Structures are given as structure tokens and as C-alpha cells.
């Protein structure tokens, strides 16, 4: 016997979408009859699903799946493919640098780790897949912010509440904008103990075939592992790995 749903409305919405997916164009009556749902609440739910573009209504009044589901499905497949493609390159980068390596994306307004490759070093940096990061104090966050559209970048920056996490943290919009210009100029971003003392990180962007940034990779280590003596070498290796992943995704590097 199925467990009782903790969120019945969400379960009913999912049942509606499943029914439409399996049966194609159908009427409200079809849904109400087959799912045993009262029409009064069903109409409200369908209106909301239409507002969210999860359902669409044809000219004859029948319901079909909305294009938002295609968009979500496409993003899901893209992210799964991205993980698969990136894993070998991140593993190679980890072996070359001895650092923990990550793949990250912008999930709504937050950078998030999509993939982590642990290093073989006895010095470990604590992180995990699914971890959310700062836009302004993490290398990966700043990297993603540097190459998104100017309009979205402006909106995200205006929403940031700058907090001093360490003595090295950027504390103003002006400082962040100046740093983003530097990042675009040199091709990589750097977290200089801005998020956590004694931890430094290098990040480089991943582009798709339309030259749009879709992710970034990073290599992170302690100040014993990442320092002024090897920073440029490490940055070049991170950028090279990012370029190889971008190439696999159809990006033509110019």
C-alpha cells in the first residue's frame, strides 16, 4: 500500500501531469473521472498548472503538457550529460594538481556543486555535491557571475547582501564589479581565502555551442597547496580542462 502523501496537492498535481502525459490531449472531465478528483478543486489546480506552463490548453479546449516540462527535461538531461562528460576531465585535473575538483552550475540565483572529485592528498577540503556557494566570495560563484548576461549579472549583484566572512572577503558592489572585469580579462577566477581562511580556489568557465556559459569547474586546496609559486600553473591547467569540456559540448574556442 502506498504511503500517504505529506503534500496531497503536490501529489494530485503530479497525477494530473502523469495522466495527460499518458493519454495525450484530454478534457477536464477525463481527468476528473479517471483520477476521482472533484471538478471544483481540479479547475483551480489546472489553472495554476497552466500559469506555471506545466499544462497548456489547445484551441478545442483539451489539455496537453506545457513547454515548461520540455525546458526542465532538457536542463535535466543537459546536467546529467555535463556530469558524465566532465568527470574524466576533472579526474585528470585532480591527478595533475593534487587538488579537490568540482563542477558547478548556477541554480536559480545560487552556485551549486554538481560534481566533486576527491583528491588523493592527505590534505582534504570539506565539500559535497549539492553544496550551495556564495556568488561573491567563492571562485566558482564569481566565475559564473562573470560570464552571464549583463542584465542578469546586474540583477544578481543588486540582490547580494555583502557580509564579511574573512578579512579577504569582497565587501562592496564596486569591488565585485572590478573583480569580474579582471576575471573576464584573464579567463579564470580566484577565491583568495575569501570564503574560508587558509583555503584558496581557482575556477574557469564552461561554454556550450552557442558561446553561453553553462557551468564552471574549480580546483580547491589549502594555502600550502595553492600559493603564489604555483598559482599561474594551476590556473592554466584548470582553464585547459574547462576548454576541453567546452569543446565536448560543441563550443568552438576562439
Protein backbone atom coordinates (compact mmCIF):
# COMPACT_ATOMS: atom_id res chain seq x y z
CA UNK A 1 0.00 0.00 0.00
CA UNK A 2 1.34 3.45 -0.95
CA UNK A 3 2.35 5.78 1.84
CA UNK A 4 0.00 8.69 2.40
CA UNK A 5 1.38 11.83 0.80
CA UNK A 6 2.65 14.56 3.10
CA UNK A 7 1.77 17.12 0.41
CA UNK A 8 -1.53 15.91 -1.15
CA UNK A 9 -1.91 18.89 -3.50
CA UNK A 10 1.52 18.27 -4.99
CA UNK A 11 0.76 14.57 -5.43
CA UNK A 12 -2.54 15.39 -7.19
CA UNK A 13 -0.76 17.84 -9.49
CA UNK A 14 1.79 15.17 -10.37
CA UNK A 15 -1.03 12.67 -11.01
CA UNK A 16 -2.67 15.15 -13.40
CA UNK A 17 0.57 15.66 -15.32
CA UNK A 18 1.14 11.91 -15.47
CA UNK A 19 -2.38 11.31 -16.77
CA UNK A 20 -2.02 13.93 -19.51
CA UNK A 21 1.41 12.54 -20.42
CA UNK A 22 0.00 9.02 -20.82
CA UNK A 23 -3.24 9.96 -22.59
CA UNK A 24 -2.34 12.94 -24.72
CA UNK A 25 -4.97 15.64 -25.26
CA UNK A 26 -7.73 15.21 -22.71
CA UNK A 27 -10.55 17.15 -21.10
CA UNK A 28 -11.10 18.19 -17.51
CA UNK A 29 -13.90 15.61 -17.37
CA UNK A 30 -11.49 12.86 -18.46
CA UNK A 31 -9.09 13.81 -15.69
CA UNK A 32 -11.78 14.18 -13.04
CA UNK A 33 -13.33 10.82 -13.88
CA UNK A 34 -10.12 8.82 -14.06
CA UNK A 35 -8.42 10.38 -11.05
CA UNK A 36 -11.58 10.71 -8.96
CA UNK A 37 -10.98 14.37 -8.30
CA UNK A 38 -13.74 16.94 -7.64
CA UNK A 39 -14.06 19.37 -10.56
CA UNK A 40 -14.14 22.43 -8.29
CA UNK A 41 -10.63 21.91 -6.93
CA UNK A 42 -9.44 20.38 -10.23
CA UNK A 43 -10.16 23.60 -12.15
CA UNK A 44 -8.11 25.61 -9.66
CA UNK A 45 -5.22 23.16 -9.92
CA UNK A 46 -5.30 23.12 -13.71
CA UNK A 47 -5.35 26.93 -13.83
CA UNK A 48 -2.23 27.01 -11.66
CA UNK A 49 -0.51 24.34 -13.76
CA UNK A 50 -1.29 26.42 -16.85
CA UNK A 51 0.08 29.56 -15.17
CA UNK A 52 3.28 27.65 -14.47
CA UNK A 53 3.37 26.48 -18.12
CA UNK A 54 3.27 22.85 -16.99
CA UNK A 55 -0.02 22.40 -18.83
CA UNK A 56 -1.28 24.09 -21.99
CA UNK A 57 -4.76 24.31 -23.48
CA UNK A 58 -5.41 23.69 -27.17
CA UNK A 59 -7.94 25.60 -29.27
CA UNK A 60 -10.52 22.84 -28.78
CA UNK A 61 -10.21 23.19 -25.00
CA UNK A 62 -8.29 19.97 -24.46
CA UNK A 63 -5.25 19.91 -22.20
CA UNK A 64 -1.71 18.88 -23.10
CA UNK A 65 1.69 19.06 -21.46
CA UNK A 66 3.24 22.52 -21.37
CA UNK A 67 6.56 23.56 -22.81
CA UNK A 68 7.97 24.24 -19.34
CA UNK A 69 8.26 20.47 -18.88
CA UNK A 70 10.34 20.24 -22.05
CA UNK A 71 12.57 23.01 -20.74
CA UNK A 72 13.01 21.27 -17.38
CA UNK A 73 13.61 17.91 -19.04
CA UNK A 74 16.17 19.41 -21.36
CA UNK A 75 18.01 21.01 -18.46
CA UNK A 76 17.94 17.76 -16.51
CA UNK A 77 19.44 15.79 -19.41
CA UNK A 78 21.97 18.55 -20.02
CA UNK A 79 23.10 18.43 -16.43
CA UNK A 80 23.38 14.64 -16.44
CA UNK A 81 25.37 14.74 -19.69
CA UNK A 82 27.51 17.53 -18.28
CA UNK A 83 28.40 15.43 -15.22
CA UNK A 84 29.27 12.45 -17.39
CA UNK A 85 31.43 14.48 -19.78
CA UNK A 86 33.15 16.47 -17.04
CA UNK A 87 34.03 13.58 -14.75
CA UNK A 88 37.01 12.22 -16.71
CA UNK A 89 38.47 15.69 -17.23
CA UNK A 90 38.03 16.59 -13.57
CA UNK A 91 39.66 13.31 -12.55
CA UNK A 92 42.62 14.09 -14.80
CA UNK A 93 42.79 17.63 -13.40
CA UNK A 94 42.77 16.22 -9.86
CA UNK A 95 45.64 13.87 -10.71
CA UNK A 96 47.66 16.70 -12.27
CA UNK A 97 47.11 19.18 -9.45
CA UNK A 98 46.51 17.03 -6.37
CA UNK A 99 43.52 19.26 -5.57
CA UNK A 100 39.84 18.57 -4.96
CA UNK A 101 37.97 19.41 -8.17
CA UNK A 102 34.36 20.45 -8.69
CA UNK A 103 31.83 21.07 -11.43
CA UNK A 104 29.24 23.71 -10.60
CA UNK A 105 26.26 25.48 -12.12
CA UNK A 106 24.06 28.45 -11.33
CA UNK A 107 20.86 27.04 -9.85
CA UNK A 108 18.41 29.96 -9.94
CA UNK A 109 20.44 32.55 -8.02
CA UNK A 110 22.91 30.26 -6.27
CA UNK A 111 26.07 28.47 -7.42
CA UNK A 112 25.89 24.78 -6.54
CA UNK A 113 28.31 21.87 -6.81
CA UNK A 114 27.03 19.34 -9.35
CA UNK A 115 30.04 17.01 -9.18
CA UNK A 116 33.02 16.51 -6.87
CA UNK A 117 36.23 14.56 -7.49
CA UNK A 118 38.19 13.99 -4.30
CA UNK A 119 41.96 14.31 -4.32
CA UNK A 120 44.35 11.59 -3.20
CA UNK A 121 46.14 14.07 -0.96
CA UNK A 122 46.21 13.59 2.78
CA UNK A 123 45.12 17.24 2.98
CA UNK A 124 41.37 17.31 2.38
CA UNK A 125 38.96 20.20 1.86
CA UNK A 126 35.41 19.57 3.06
CA UNK A 127 32.78 19.95 0.34
CA UNK A 128 29.97 17.90 -1.17
CA UNK A 129 27.79 17.57 -4.26
CA UNK A 130 24.75 19.76 -3.80
CA UNK A 131 26.57 22.31 -1.64
CA UNK A 132 25.45 25.88 -2.30
CA UNK A 133 28.09 28.58 -2.56
CA UNK A 134 28.42 32.33 -2.36
CA UNK A 135 28.21 34.37 -5.56
CA UNK A 136 30.77 36.92 -4.39
CA UNK A 137 33.21 35.02 -2.15
CA UNK A 138 33.64 31.70 -3.98
CA UNK A 139 35.77 31.28 -7.10
CA UNK A 140 33.06 29.24 -8.81
CA UNK A 141 30.36 31.79 -7.97
CA UNK A 142 32.41 34.71 -9.28
CA UNK A 143 33.30 32.74 -12.40
CA UNK A 144 29.66 32.00 -13.23
CA UNK A 145 28.73 35.61 -12.48
CA UNK A 146 31.49 36.99 -14.71
CA UNK A 147 30.19 35.47 -17.96
CA UNK A 148 26.40 35.55 -17.64
CA UNK A 149 24.43 38.22 -19.50
CA UNK A 150 24.93 41.80 -18.33
CA UNK A 151 21.24 42.10 -17.44
CA UNK A 152 21.20 39.01 -15.24
CA UNK A 153 24.56 39.87 -13.72
CA UNK A 154 23.27 43.29 -12.70
CA UNK A 155 20.13 41.78 -11.14
CA UNK A 156 22.09 39.19 -9.17
CA UNK A 157 24.67 41.68 -7.92
CA UNK A 158 21.98 44.14 -6.79
CA UNK A 159 20.42 41.38 -4.66
CA UNK A 160 23.66 40.48 -2.85
CA UNK A 161 23.94 41.27 0.84
CA UNK A 162 27.68 41.59 1.32
CA UNK A 163 28.90 40.02 4.55
CA UNK A 164 32.46 39.97 5.85
CA UNK A 165 33.32 36.29 6.17
CA UNK A 166 37.11 36.66 6.35
CA UNK A 167 39.48 39.66 6.16
CA UNK A 168 39.78 38.94 2.42
CA UNK A 169 36.07 38.93 1.51
CA UNK A 170 34.85 41.45 -1.07
CA UNK A 171 32.55 43.87 0.73
CA UNK A 172 31.02 46.09 -1.95
CA UNK A 173 29.35 46.01 -5.35
CA UNK A 174 32.13 48.18 -6.77
CA UNK A 175 34.84 45.75 -5.62
CA UNK A 176 32.94 42.81 -7.09
CA UNK A 177 32.34 44.51 -10.45
CA UNK A 178 36.04 45.38 -10.70
CA UNK A 179 36.96 41.77 -9.88
CA UNK A 180 34.56 40.41 -12.52
CA UNK A 181 36.23 42.58 -15.17
CA UNK A 182 39.62 41.15 -14.16
CA UNK A 183 38.23 37.60 -14.27
CA UNK A 184 36.95 38.02 -17.83
CA UNK A 185 40.27 39.55 -18.88
CA UNK A 186 42.47 36.72 -17.61
CA UNK A 187 39.98 33.84 -18.12
CA UNK A 188 39.77 32.48 -14.56
CA UNK A 189 38.58 33.45 -11.10
CA UNK A 190 40.25 33.13 -7.73
CA UNK A 191 39.00 32.74 -4.17
CA UNK A 192 41.85 34.14 -2.11
CA UNK A 193 40.71 32.90 1.32
CA UNK A 194 37.54 34.97 0.82
CA UNK A 195 35.13 32.26 1.91
CA UNK A 196 37.30 30.33 4.39
CA UNK A 197 40.70 31.15 5.86
CA UNK A 198 43.61 29.07 4.52
CA UNK A 199 41.51 27.79 1.59
CA UNK A 200 42.09 29.01 -1.97
CA UNK A 201 40.31 28.07 -5.16
CA UNK A 202 40.67 28.58 -8.91
CA UNK A 203 37.72 28.39 -11.31
CA UNK A 204 37.25 28.54 -15.10
CA UNK A 205 34.11 28.73 -17.25
CA UNK A 206 32.46 26.07 -19.43
CA UNK A 207 30.63 27.22 -22.55
CA UNK A 208 28.16 25.46 -24.85
CA UNK A 209 27.93 25.56 -28.64
CA UNK A 210 26.17 28.96 -28.55
CA UNK A 211 29.04 30.50 -26.53
CA UNK A 212 26.84 30.67 -23.45
CA UNK A 213 28.30 29.86 -20.04
CA UNK A 214 26.51 26.84 -18.60
CA UNK A 215 28.86 25.77 -15.81
CA UNK A 216 32.30 26.21 -14.29
CA UNK A 217 34.92 23.94 -12.82
CA UNK A 218 37.18 24.60 -9.88
CA UNK A 219 40.23 23.23 -8.10
CA UNK A 220 40.49 23.92 -4.39
CA UNK A 221 43.19 23.44 -1.80
CA UNK A 222 44.84 24.88 1.25
CA UNK A 223 47.33 27.74 1.14
CA UNK A 224 50.04 25.07 1.35
CA UNK A 225 48.75 23.57 -1.92
CA UNK A 226 47.81 26.77 -3.75
CA UNK A 227 50.20 29.71 -3.47
CA UNK A 228 51.93 32.41 -5.48
CA UNK A 229 54.57 29.93 -6.65
CA UNK A 230 52.14 27.63 -8.46
CA UNK A 231 49.02 29.78 -8.93
CA UNK A 232 49.56 30.57 -12.62
CA UNK A 233 50.39 26.96 -13.46
CA UNK A 234 47.30 25.72 -11.65
CA UNK A 235 45.13 28.35 -13.35
CA UNK A 236 46.37 27.25 -16.78
CA UNK A 237 45.54 23.62 -16.02
CA UNK A 238 42.07 24.49 -14.77
CA UNK A 239 41.42 26.63 -17.87
CA UNK A 240 42.68 23.85 -20.15
CA UNK A 241 40.34 21.30 -18.54
CA UNK A 242 37.43 23.74 -18.87
CA UNK A 243 38.25 24.29 -22.55
CA UNK A 244 38.29 20.53 -23.21
CA UNK A 245 34.88 20.10 -21.56
CA UNK A 246 33.51 23.07 -23.51
CA UNK A 247 34.82 21.54 -26.73
CA UNK A 248 32.98 18.29 -25.96
CA UNK A 249 29.80 20.36 -25.61
CA UNK A 250 30.28 21.88 -29.06
CA UNK A 251 31.95 25.14 -28.11
CA UNK A 252 34.43 26.44 -30.64
CA UNK A 253 37.23 28.17 -28.75
CA UNK A 254 38.43 31.35 -30.46
